[in-house]
């Protein structure tokens, strides 16, 4: 679907809206088993989009970590394809790292991207 994944070379391009678009495309392509699974992912990303507008780095990272855990659960339960999982995971980790830079200004706040 996203052969070459050129976007991964430029992490500044990746944001929650972009990941939402990927979720929509994966659902349309049957890589996410049903609308409920896609909607659960979208709900997390809707929150991240709101926090991106506020540039609330700590909250963005926190919600992306939750999104990552949800991806892991859906993958374990067989609800998303390997390709969808890997693509969404790569984008999410990239976005966490992007916002984590702002969090790292406050050394007392560290996050785990895995």
C-alpha atoms as a PDB file:
ATOM      1  CA  UNK A   1       0.000   0.000   0.000  1.00  0.00           C
ATOM      2  CA  UNK A   2       2.569   2.591   1.074  1.00  0.00           C
ATOM      3  CA  UNK A   3       5.489   1.114  -0.801  1.00  0.00           C
ATOM      4  CA  UNK A   4       8.776   2.809  -0.111  1.00  0.00           C
ATOM      5  CA  UNK A   5       7.292   4.652   2.852  1.00  0.00           C
ATOM      6  CA  UNK A   6       9.014   7.859   1.698  1.00  0.00           C
ATOM      7  CA  UNK A   7       7.281   9.853   4.393  1.00  0.00           C
ATOM      8  CA  UNK A   8       9.339   8.097   7.071  1.00  0.00           C
ATOM      9  CA  UNK A   9      12.434   9.845   5.780  1.00  0.00           C
ATOM     10  CA  UNK A  10      10.994  13.199   6.840  1.00  0.00           C
ATOM     11  CA  UNK A  11       9.586  12.912  10.372  1.00  0.00           C
ATOM     12  CA  UNK A  12       8.464  16.553  10.317  1.00  0.00           C
ATOM     13  CA  UNK A  13       5.749  15.460   7.887  1.00  0.00           C
ATOM     14  CA  UNK A  14       4.229  12.987  10.326  1.00  0.00           C
ATOM     15  CA  UNK A  15       1.456  14.223  12.619  1.00  0.00           C
ATOM     16  CA  UNK A  16      -1.680  12.736  14.140  1.00  0.00           C
ATOM     17  CA  UNK A  17      -3.816  13.793  11.167  1.00  0.00           C
ATOM     18  CA  UNK A  18      -1.497  11.919   8.829  1.00  0.00           C
ATOM     19  CA  UNK A  19      -1.724   8.787  11.005  1.00  0.00           C
ATOM     20  CA  UNK A  20      -5.534   9.149  11.010  1.00  0.00           C
ATOM     21  CA  UNK A  21      -5.412   9.141   7.201  1.00  0.00           C
ATOM     22  CA  UNK A  22      -3.355   5.950   7.306  1.00  0.00           C
ATOM     23  CA  UNK A  23      -5.915   4.306   9.616  1.00  0.00           C
ATOM     24  CA  UNK A  24      -8.729   5.285   7.231  1.00  0.00           C
ATOM     25  CA  UNK A  25      -6.814   3.887   4.259  1.00  0.00           C
ATOM     26  CA  UNK A  26      -5.977   0.658   6.061  1.00  0.00           C
ATOM     27  CA  UNK A  27      -9.646   0.231   6.976  1.00  0.00           C
ATOM     28  CA  UNK A  28     -10.720   0.779   3.365  1.00  0.00           C
ATOM     29  CA  UNK A  29      -8.102  -1.742   2.218  1.00  0.00           C
ATOM     30  CA  UNK A  30      -9.299  -4.371   4.693  1.00  0.00           C
ATOM     31  CA  UNK A  31      -6.077  -4.259   6.710  1.00  0.00           C
ATOM     32  CA  UNK A  32      -8.110  -3.331   9.801  1.00  0.00           C
ATOM     33  CA  UNK A  33     -10.859  -5.895  10.359  1.00  0.00           C
ATOM     34  CA  UNK A  34     -13.799  -3.596  11.055  1.00  0.00           C
ATOM     35  CA  UNK A  35     -14.965  -0.071  11.676  1.00  0.00           C
ATOM     36  CA  UNK A  36     -15.005  -0.519  15.466  1.00  0.00           C
ATOM     37  CA  UNK A  37     -11.293  -1.284  15.542  1.00  0.00           C
ATOM     38  CA  UNK A  38     -10.530   1.628  13.230  1.00  0.00           C
ATOM     39  CA  UNK A  39     -12.737   3.906  15.316  1.00  0.00           C
ATOM     40  CA  UNK A  40     -10.902   2.966  18.528  1.00  0.00           C
ATOM     41  CA  UNK A  41      -7.653   4.030  16.887  1.00  0.00           C
ATOM     42  CA  UNK A  42      -9.233   7.194  15.472  1.00  0.00           C
ATOM     43  CA  UNK A  43     -10.546   8.221  18.903  1.00  0.00           C
ATOM     44  CA  UNK A  44      -7.041   8.221  20.348  1.00  0.00           C
ATOM     45  CA  UNK A  45      -5.741  10.175  17.381  1.00  0.00           C
ATOM     46  CA  UNK A  46      -8.560  12.741  17.637  1.00  0.00           C
ATOM     47  CA  UNK A  47      -7.288  13.563  21.110  1.00  0.00           C
ATOM     48  CA  UNK A  48      -3.718  13.855  19.865  1.00  0.00           C
ATOM     49  CA  UNK A  49      -4.818  16.223  17.066  1.00  0.00           C
ATOM     50  CA  UNK A  50      -6.425  18.514  19.659  1.00  0.00           C
ATOM     51  CA  UNK A  51      -3.261  18.528  21.775  1.00  0.00           C
ATOM     52  CA  UNK A  52      -1.075  19.143  18.720  1.00  0.00           C
ATOM     53  CA  UNK A  53      -3.015  22.344  18.078  1.00  0.00           C
ATOM     54  CA  UNK A  54      -2.173  23.387  21.650  1.00  0.00           C
ATOM     55  CA  UNK A  55       1.416  22.140  21.328  1.00  0.00           C
ATOM     56  CA  UNK A  56       0.923  20.248  24.592  1.00  0.00           C
ATOM     57  CA  UNK A  57       3.910  17.935  24.186  1.00  0.00           C
ATOM     58  CA  UNK A  58       3.531  15.922  27.393  1.00  0.00           C
ATOM     59  CA  UNK A  59      -0.113  15.164  26.693  1.00  0.00           C
ATOM     60  CA  UNK A  60       0.630  14.295  23.086  1.00  0.00           C
ATOM     61  CA  UNK A  61       3.302  11.818  24.128  1.00  0.00           C
ATOM     62  CA  UNK A  62       1.063  10.318  26.820  1.00  0.00           C
ATOM     63  CA  UNK A  63      -1.797   9.722  24.378  1.00  0.00           C
ATOM     64  CA  UNK A  64       0.527   8.384  21.691  1.00  0.00           C
ATOM     65  CA  UNK A  65       1.900   5.890  24.203  1.00  0.00           C
ATOM     66  CA  UNK A  66      -1.677   4.742  24.844  1.00  0.00           C
ATOM     67  CA  UNK A  67      -2.234   4.549  21.091  1.00  0.00           C
ATOM     68  CA  UNK A  68       0.884   2.379  20.833  1.00  0.00           C
ATOM     69  CA  UNK A  69      -0.467   0.004  23.485  1.00  0.00           C
ATOM     70  CA  UNK A  70      -3.786  -0.185  21.638  1.00  0.00           C
ATOM     71  CA  UNK A  71      -1.926  -1.013  18.411  1.00  0.00           C
ATOM     72  CA  UNK A  72      -0.105  -3.807  20.240  1.00  0.00           C
ATOM     73  CA  UNK A  73      -3.394  -5.192  21.590  1.00  0.00           C
ATOM     74  CA  UNK A  74      -5.121  -5.082  18.194  1.00  0.00           C
ATOM     75  CA  UNK A  75      -2.126  -6.775  16.571  1.00  0.00           C
ATOM     76  CA  UNK A  76      -2.031  -9.487  19.262  1.00  0.00           C
ATOM     77  CA  UNK A  77      -5.772 -10.068  18.791  1.00  0.00           C
ATOM     78  CA  UNK A  78      -5.363 -10.353  15.009  1.00  0.00           C
ATOM     79  CA  UNK A  79      -7.478  -7.276  14.292  1.00  0.00           C
ATOM     80  CA  UNK A  80      -4.928  -5.442  12.122  1.00  0.00           C
ATOM     81  CA  UNK A  81      -2.547  -6.724   9.476  1.00  0.00           C
ATOM     82  CA  UNK A  82       1.199  -6.910   9.927  1.00  0.00           C
ATOM     83  CA  UNK A  83       1.707  -4.146   7.348  1.00  0.00           C
ATOM     84  CA  UNK A  84      -0.825  -1.828   8.993  1.00  0.00           C
ATOM     85  CA  UNK A  85       0.683  -2.495  12.410  1.00  0.00           C
ATOM     86  CA  UNK A  86       4.263  -1.870  11.266  1.00  0.00           C
ATOM     87  CA  UNK A  87       3.395   1.299   9.383  1.00  0.00           C
ATOM     88  CA  UNK A  88       1.284   2.773  12.187  1.00  0.00           C
ATOM     89  CA  UNK A  89       3.861   1.764  14.799  1.00  0.00           C
ATOM     90  CA  UNK A  90       6.715   3.370  12.842  1.00  0.00           C
ATOM     91  CA  UNK A  91       4.782   6.603  12.394  1.00  0.00           C
ATOM     92  CA  UNK A  92       3.716   6.676  16.028  1.00  0.00           C
ATOM     93  CA  UNK A  93       7.239   6.135  17.353  1.00  0.00           C
ATOM     94  CA  UNK A  94       8.503   8.850  15.017  1.00  0.00           C
ATOM     95  CA  UNK A  95       5.827  11.247  16.253  1.00  0.00           C
ATOM     96  CA  UNK A  96       6.566  10.410  19.894  1.00  0.00           C
ATOM     97  CA  UNK A  97      10.244  11.160  19.327  1.00  0.00           C
ATOM     98  CA  UNK A  98       9.368  14.429  17.613  1.00  0.00           C
ATOM     99  CA  UNK A  99       7.278  15.615  20.597  1.00  0.00           C
ATOM    100  CA  UNK A 100       9.544  14.012  23.172  1.00  0.00           C
ATOM    101  CA  UNK A 101      12.180  16.597  22.312  1.00  0.00           C
ATOM    102  CA  UNK A 102       9.920  19.214  23.895  1.00  0.00           C
ATOM    103  CA  UNK A 103       9.297  16.969  26.890  1.00  0.00           C
ATOM    104  CA  UNK A 104      13.020  16.460  27.365  1.00  0.00           C
ATOM    105  CA  UNK A 105      13.398  20.127  28.157  1.00  0.00           C
ATOM    106  CA  UNK A 106      11.811  19.096  31.442  1.00  0.00           C
ATOM    107  CA  UNK A 107      14.287  16.405  32.506  1.00  0.00           C
ATOM    108  CA  UNK A 108      11.922  15.024  35.114  1.00  0.00           C
ATOM    109  CA  UNK A 109       9.548  13.843  32.380  1.00  0.00           C
ATOM    110  CA  UNK A 110      10.828  10.823  30.456  1.00  0.00           C
ATOM    111  CA  UNK A 111       8.753   8.588  28.229  1.00  0.00           C
ATOM    112  CA  UNK A 112       9.083   5.137  26.755  1.00  0.00           C
ATOM    113  CA  UNK A 113       8.456   4.887  23.009  1.00  0.00           C
ATOM    114  CA  UNK A 114       8.157   1.114  22.865  1.00  0.00           C
END
